[in-house]
Amino acid sequence: PVIGLSLIFDYFLNACQSGVTAVGFEGFARECLQNGALACIGALWDVKDEAASKMATTFYTGIIKNHPLGESMMKARQALQDEAITDWGAYVLYSNFRLKLF
């Protein structure tokens, strides 16, 4: 276990390929969840800065409004699609999509 990971309830890993998990490879997302995090978001491939910024801003706007994680993720993806940002599908949510953080 990584020391201190269980103290955080949500991780948004806004770095390229941070959400990748594969057989035989312990991804950072998996490590976070195994150490008590309630949610983890990561990207499956390299993303542009514009996509990363828009995704995080829109996602956390939903969280602040007490929307469930899944709804916040869908709205963030839709915001990227609306602006024709092709990296909208890179982000994955590892959690219960109905979970609210507040």
N, C-alpha and C. Protein backbone atom coordinates (compact mmCIF):
# COMPACT_ATOMS: atom_id res chain seq x y z
N PRO A 1 0.82 -1.20 0.00
CA PRO A 1 0.00 0.00 0.00
C PRO A 1 0.86 1.27 0.00
N VAL A 2 0.35 2.27 -0.63
CA VAL A 2 1.03 3.56 -0.66
C VAL A 2 0.59 4.35 0.57
N ILE A 3 1.52 4.79 1.35
CA ILE A 3 1.23 5.51 2.59
C ILE A 3 0.50 6.81 2.29
N GLY A 4 -0.59 7.04 3.01
CA GLY A 4 -1.32 8.29 2.90
C GLY A 4 -2.43 8.30 1.86
N LEU A 5 -2.51 7.32 0.97
CA LEU A 5 -3.54 7.34 -0.05
C LEU A 5 -4.94 7.24 0.53
N SER A 6 -5.09 6.55 1.64
CA SER A 6 -6.42 6.36 2.21
C SER A 6 -6.97 7.63 2.84
N LEU A 7 -6.19 8.66 2.98
CA LEU A 7 -6.66 9.91 3.58
C LEU A 7 -7.44 10.76 2.59
N ILE A 8 -7.41 10.41 1.33
CA ILE A 8 -8.06 11.22 0.29
C ILE A 8 -9.24 10.43 -0.25
N PHE A 9 -10.41 11.09 -0.39
CA PHE A 9 -11.60 10.38 -0.83
C PHE A 9 -11.79 10.40 -2.33
N ASP A 10 -11.10 11.28 -3.06
CA ASP A 10 -11.28 11.40 -4.50
C ASP A 10 -9.96 11.77 -5.14
N TYR A 11 -9.61 11.07 -6.20
CA TYR A 11 -8.41 11.39 -6.97
C TYR A 11 -8.81 11.72 -8.38
N PHE A 12 -8.34 12.83 -8.90
CA PHE A 12 -8.50 13.16 -10.31
C PHE A 12 -7.09 13.17 -10.87
N LEU A 13 -6.71 12.09 -11.55
CA LEU A 13 -5.36 11.92 -12.06
C LEU A 13 -5.31 12.53 -13.45
N ASN A 14 -5.07 13.82 -13.52
CA ASN A 14 -5.13 14.53 -14.78
C ASN A 14 -3.77 14.50 -15.47
N ALA A 15 -3.35 13.30 -15.79
CA ALA A 15 -2.08 13.07 -16.48
C ALA A 15 -2.30 12.00 -17.54
N CYS A 16 -1.51 12.02 -18.55
CA CYS A 16 -1.65 11.08 -19.66
C CYS A 16 -1.54 9.64 -19.19
N GLN A 17 -2.49 8.83 -19.59
CA GLN A 17 -2.54 7.40 -19.33
C GLN A 17 -2.58 7.04 -17.84
N SER A 18 -3.04 7.96 -17.01
CA SER A 18 -3.09 7.71 -15.57
C SER A 18 -4.21 6.76 -15.17
N GLY A 19 -5.16 6.52 -16.06
CA GLY A 19 -6.26 5.63 -15.73
C GLY A 19 -6.09 4.24 -16.27
N VAL A 20 -4.95 3.95 -16.86
CA VAL A 20 -4.73 2.64 -17.46
C VAL A 20 -4.49 1.59 -16.39
N THR A 21 -5.24 0.50 -16.49
CA THR A 21 -4.99 -0.68 -15.68
C THR A 21 -5.05 -1.86 -16.63
N ALA A 22 -4.17 -2.79 -16.47
CA ALA A 22 -4.12 -3.96 -17.34
C ALA A 22 -3.69 -5.17 -16.52
N VAL A 23 -3.94 -6.33 -17.06
CA VAL A 23 -3.54 -7.57 -16.38
C VAL A 23 -2.04 -7.54 -16.14
N GLY A 24 -1.65 -7.77 -14.89
CA GLY A 24 -0.23 -7.79 -14.56
C GLY A 24 0.36 -6.41 -14.31
N PHE A 25 -0.45 -5.37 -14.45
CA PHE A 25 0.06 -4.01 -14.23
C PHE A 25 -0.82 -3.32 -13.20
N GLU A 26 -0.23 -2.92 -12.11
CA GLU A 26 -0.97 -2.23 -11.06
C GLU A 26 -0.97 -0.74 -11.33
N GLY A 27 -2.04 -0.24 -11.90
CA GLY A 27 -2.16 1.17 -12.21
C GLY A 27 -2.36 2.01 -10.96
N PHE A 28 -2.11 3.29 -11.08
CA PHE A 28 -2.26 4.20 -9.96
C PHE A 28 -3.72 4.27 -9.50
N ALA A 29 -4.65 4.19 -10.44
CA ALA A 29 -6.07 4.21 -10.07
C ALA A 29 -6.42 3.03 -9.18
N ARG A 30 -5.97 1.86 -9.54
CA ARG A 30 -6.23 0.66 -8.75
C ARG A 30 -5.61 0.80 -7.36
N GLU A 31 -4.41 1.32 -7.30
CA GLU A 31 -3.72 1.50 -6.01
C GLU A 31 -4.50 2.46 -5.11
N CYS A 32 -5.01 3.53 -5.68
CA CYS A 32 -5.80 4.49 -4.90
C CYS A 32 -7.03 3.83 -4.30
N LEU A 33 -7.76 3.09 -5.12
CA LEU A 33 -8.99 2.45 -4.66
C LEU A 33 -8.72 1.36 -3.64
N GLN A 34 -7.67 0.60 -3.82
CA GLN A 34 -7.34 -0.44 -2.87
C GLN A 34 -6.91 0.12 -1.53
N ASN A 35 -6.53 1.38 -1.51
CA ASN A 35 -6.09 2.01 -0.27
C ASN A 35 -7.15 2.94 0.32
N GLY A 36 -8.40 2.78 -0.11
CA GLY A 36 -9.49 3.48 0.54
C GLY A 36 -10.09 4.66 -0.16
N ALA A 37 -9.57 5.08 -1.29
CA ALA A 37 -10.19 6.19 -2.01
C ALA A 37 -11.56 5.76 -2.49
N LEU A 38 -12.53 6.66 -2.45
CA LEU A 38 -13.88 6.34 -2.91
C LEU A 38 -14.01 6.45 -4.42
N ALA A 39 -13.13 7.23 -5.04
CA ALA A 39 -13.23 7.44 -6.47
C ALA A 39 -11.87 7.80 -7.05
N CYS A 40 -11.72 7.46 -8.31
CA CYS A 40 -10.50 7.82 -9.03
C CYS A 40 -10.85 8.04 -10.49
N ILE A 41 -10.35 9.10 -11.05
CA ILE A 41 -10.55 9.42 -12.47
C ILE A 41 -9.18 9.50 -13.11
N GLY A 42 -9.06 8.91 -14.28
CA GLY A 42 -7.79 8.96 -15.00
C GLY A 42 -8.04 8.93 -16.49
N ALA A 43 -7.00 9.22 -17.25
CA ALA A 43 -7.07 9.22 -18.72
C ALA A 43 -6.44 7.95 -19.26
N LEU A 44 -7.08 7.39 -20.28
CA LEU A 44 -6.58 6.16 -20.88
C LEU A 44 -5.51 6.40 -21.94
N TRP A 45 -5.40 7.62 -22.43
CA TRP A 45 -4.36 7.94 -23.41
C TRP A 45 -3.91 9.38 -23.21
N ASP A 46 -2.90 9.77 -23.95
CA ASP A 46 -2.37 11.14 -23.86
C ASP A 46 -3.46 12.13 -24.23
N VAL A 47 -3.62 13.17 -23.41
CA VAL A 47 -4.63 14.20 -23.66
C VAL A 47 -3.96 15.56 -23.76
N LYS A 48 -4.62 16.45 -24.48
CA LYS A 48 -4.11 17.81 -24.63
C LYS A 48 -4.47 18.62 -23.39
N ASP A 49 -3.69 19.66 -23.14
CA ASP A 49 -3.91 20.51 -21.96
C ASP A 49 -5.32 21.09 -21.94
N GLU A 50 -5.81 21.49 -23.10
CA GLU A 50 -7.15 22.07 -23.19
C GLU A 50 -8.20 21.08 -22.69
N ALA A 51 -8.08 19.83 -23.11
CA ALA A 51 -9.03 18.80 -22.67
C ALA A 51 -8.92 18.56 -21.18
N ALA A 52 -7.70 18.48 -20.67
CA ALA A 52 -7.48 18.22 -19.25
C ALA A 52 -8.09 19.33 -18.39
N SER A 53 -7.89 20.56 -18.78
CA SER A 53 -8.41 21.70 -18.03
C SER A 53 -9.93 21.72 -18.05
N LYS A 54 -10.50 21.57 -19.22
CA LYS A 54 -11.96 21.61 -19.37
C LYS A 54 -12.62 20.46 -18.62
N MET A 55 -12.04 19.29 -18.71
CA MET A 55 -12.60 18.12 -18.03
C MET A 55 -12.62 18.33 -16.51
N ALA A 56 -11.50 18.74 -15.96
CA ALA A 56 -11.42 18.92 -14.51
C ALA A 56 -12.35 20.04 -14.03
N THR A 57 -12.36 21.15 -14.73
CA THR A 57 -13.20 22.29 -14.33
C THR A 57 -14.68 21.92 -14.36
N THR A 58 -15.11 21.28 -15.43
CA THR A 58 -16.51 20.92 -15.56
C THR A 58 -16.90 19.83 -14.57
N PHE A 59 -16.03 18.84 -14.38
CA PHE A 59 -16.31 17.77 -13.43
C PHE A 59 -16.48 18.33 -12.02
N TYR A 60 -15.54 19.14 -11.56
CA TYR A 60 -15.61 19.64 -10.20
C TYR A 60 -16.72 20.67 -10.00
N THR A 61 -17.15 21.33 -11.06
CA THR A 61 -18.32 22.21 -10.97
C THR A 61 -19.54 21.37 -10.60
N GLY A 62 -19.67 20.21 -11.21
CA GLY A 62 -20.77 19.31 -10.87
C GLY A 62 -20.67 18.78 -9.45
N ILE A 63 -19.47 18.44 -9.03
CA ILE A 63 -19.26 17.93 -7.67
C ILE A 63 -19.64 18.99 -6.64
N ILE A 64 -19.22 20.22 -6.87
CA ILE A 64 -19.54 21.32 -5.95
C ILE A 64 -21.05 21.52 -5.85
N LYS A 65 -21.76 21.25 -6.94
CA LYS A 65 -23.22 21.37 -6.94
C LYS A 65 -23.90 20.12 -6.38
N ASN A 66 -23.11 19.21 -5.82
CA ASN A 66 -23.57 17.97 -5.20
C ASN A 66 -24.22 17.01 -6.19
N HIS A 67 -23.77 17.03 -7.45
CA HIS A 67 -24.23 16.05 -8.42
C HIS A 67 -23.47 14.75 -8.19
N PRO A 68 -24.08 13.62 -8.51
CA PRO A 68 -23.36 12.35 -8.41
C PRO A 68 -22.13 12.33 -9.33
N LEU A 69 -21.16 11.49 -8.99
CA LEU A 69 -19.93 11.41 -9.78
C LEU A 69 -20.21 11.08 -11.24
N GLY A 70 -21.10 10.11 -11.48
CA GLY A 70 -21.40 9.72 -12.85
C GLY A 70 -22.00 10.85 -13.67
N GLU A 71 -22.91 11.59 -13.07
CA GLU A 71 -23.52 12.72 -13.77
C GLU A 71 -22.48 13.81 -14.05
N SER A 72 -21.63 14.06 -13.08
CA SER A 72 -20.57 15.07 -13.27
C SER A 72 -19.62 14.65 -14.39
N MET A 73 -19.31 13.36 -14.44
CA MET A 73 -18.44 12.85 -15.51
C MET A 73 -19.11 12.98 -16.87
N MET A 74 -20.40 12.62 -16.96
CA MET A 74 -21.11 12.73 -18.24
C MET A 74 -21.16 14.17 -18.71
N LYS A 75 -21.42 15.10 -17.81
CA LYS A 75 -21.49 16.51 -18.18
C LYS A 75 -20.12 17.03 -18.63
N ALA A 76 -19.07 16.57 -17.98
CA ALA A 76 -17.73 16.99 -18.37
C ALA A 76 -17.38 16.45 -19.76
N ARG A 77 -17.70 15.19 -20.01
CA ARG A 77 -17.46 14.62 -21.34
C ARG A 77 -18.26 15.37 -22.40
N GLN A 78 -19.53 15.67 -22.08
CA GLN A 78 -20.37 16.39 -23.03
C GLN A 78 -19.82 17.78 -23.33
N ALA A 79 -19.28 18.44 -22.31
CA ALA A 79 -18.70 19.78 -22.52
C ALA A 79 -17.54 19.71 -23.52
N LEU A 80 -16.73 18.67 -23.42
CA LEU A 80 -15.63 18.51 -24.38
C LEU A 80 -16.17 18.20 -25.77
N GLN A 81 -17.18 17.34 -25.86
CA GLN A 81 -17.77 17.03 -27.16
C GLN A 81 -18.37 18.28 -27.80
N ASP A 82 -19.05 19.10 -26.99
CA ASP A 82 -19.69 20.32 -27.51
C ASP A 82 -18.68 21.27 -28.13
N GLU A 83 -17.45 21.23 -27.65
CA GLU A 83 -16.39 22.09 -28.19
C GLU A 83 -15.50 21.35 -29.19
N ALA A 84 -15.97 20.17 -29.61
CA ALA A 84 -15.25 19.35 -30.60
C ALA A 84 -13.84 18.99 -30.13
N ILE A 85 -13.70 18.78 -28.83
CA ILE A 85 -12.42 18.32 -28.27
C ILE A 85 -12.44 16.80 -28.31
N THR A 86 -11.55 16.22 -29.07
CA THR A 86 -11.61 14.79 -29.35
C THR A 86 -11.18 13.90 -28.19
N ASP A 87 -10.62 14.44 -27.15
CA ASP A 87 -10.18 13.64 -26.01
C ASP A 87 -11.28 13.38 -24.99
N TRP A 88 -12.53 13.66 -25.31
CA TRP A 88 -13.63 13.51 -24.36
C TRP A 88 -13.74 12.08 -23.83
N GLY A 89 -13.40 11.10 -24.63
CA GLY A 89 -13.54 9.72 -24.21
C GLY A 89 -12.36 9.15 -23.46
N ALA A 90 -11.32 9.93 -23.27
CA ALA A 90 -10.10 9.44 -22.62
C ALA A 90 -10.30 9.18 -21.14
N TYR A 91 -11.19 9.93 -20.52
CA TYR A 91 -11.32 9.87 -19.06
C TYR A 91 -12.27 8.77 -18.61
N VAL A 92 -11.84 8.05 -17.58
CA VAL A 92 -12.66 6.99 -17.00
C VAL A 92 -12.82 7.24 -15.49
N LEU A 93 -13.97 6.86 -15.00
CA LEU A 93 -14.30 6.99 -13.58
C LEU A 93 -14.31 5.61 -12.97
N TYR A 94 -13.48 5.41 -11.97
CA TYR A 94 -13.48 4.17 -11.20
C TYR A 94 -14.16 4.46 -9.88
N SER A 95 -15.43 4.09 -9.77
CA SER A 95 -16.20 4.36 -8.56
C SER A 95 -17.64 3.93 -8.79
N ASN A 96 -18.45 4.10 -7.77
CA ASN A 96 -19.89 3.98 -7.90
C ASN A 96 -20.37 5.28 -8.54
N PHE A 97 -20.96 5.20 -9.72
CA PHE A 97 -21.34 6.42 -10.45
C PHE A 97 -22.43 7.21 -9.75
N ARG A 98 -23.14 6.61 -8.80
CA ARG A 98 -24.19 7.32 -8.05
C ARG A 98 -23.65 8.06 -6.83
N LEU A 99 -22.41 7.81 -6.48
CA LEU A 99 -21.81 8.39 -5.29
C LEU A 99 -21.75 9.91 -5.36
N LYS A 100 -22.07 10.55 -4.24
CA LYS A 100 -21.90 12.00 -4.08
C LYS A 100 -20.82 12.20 -3.03
N LEU A 101 -19.99 13.19 -3.22
CA LEU A 101 -18.86 13.40 -2.30
C LEU A 101 -19.20 14.31 -1.13
N PHE A 102 -20.32 14.98 -1.20
CA PHE A 102 -20.71 15.89 -0.10
C PHE A 102 -22.05 15.50 0.43
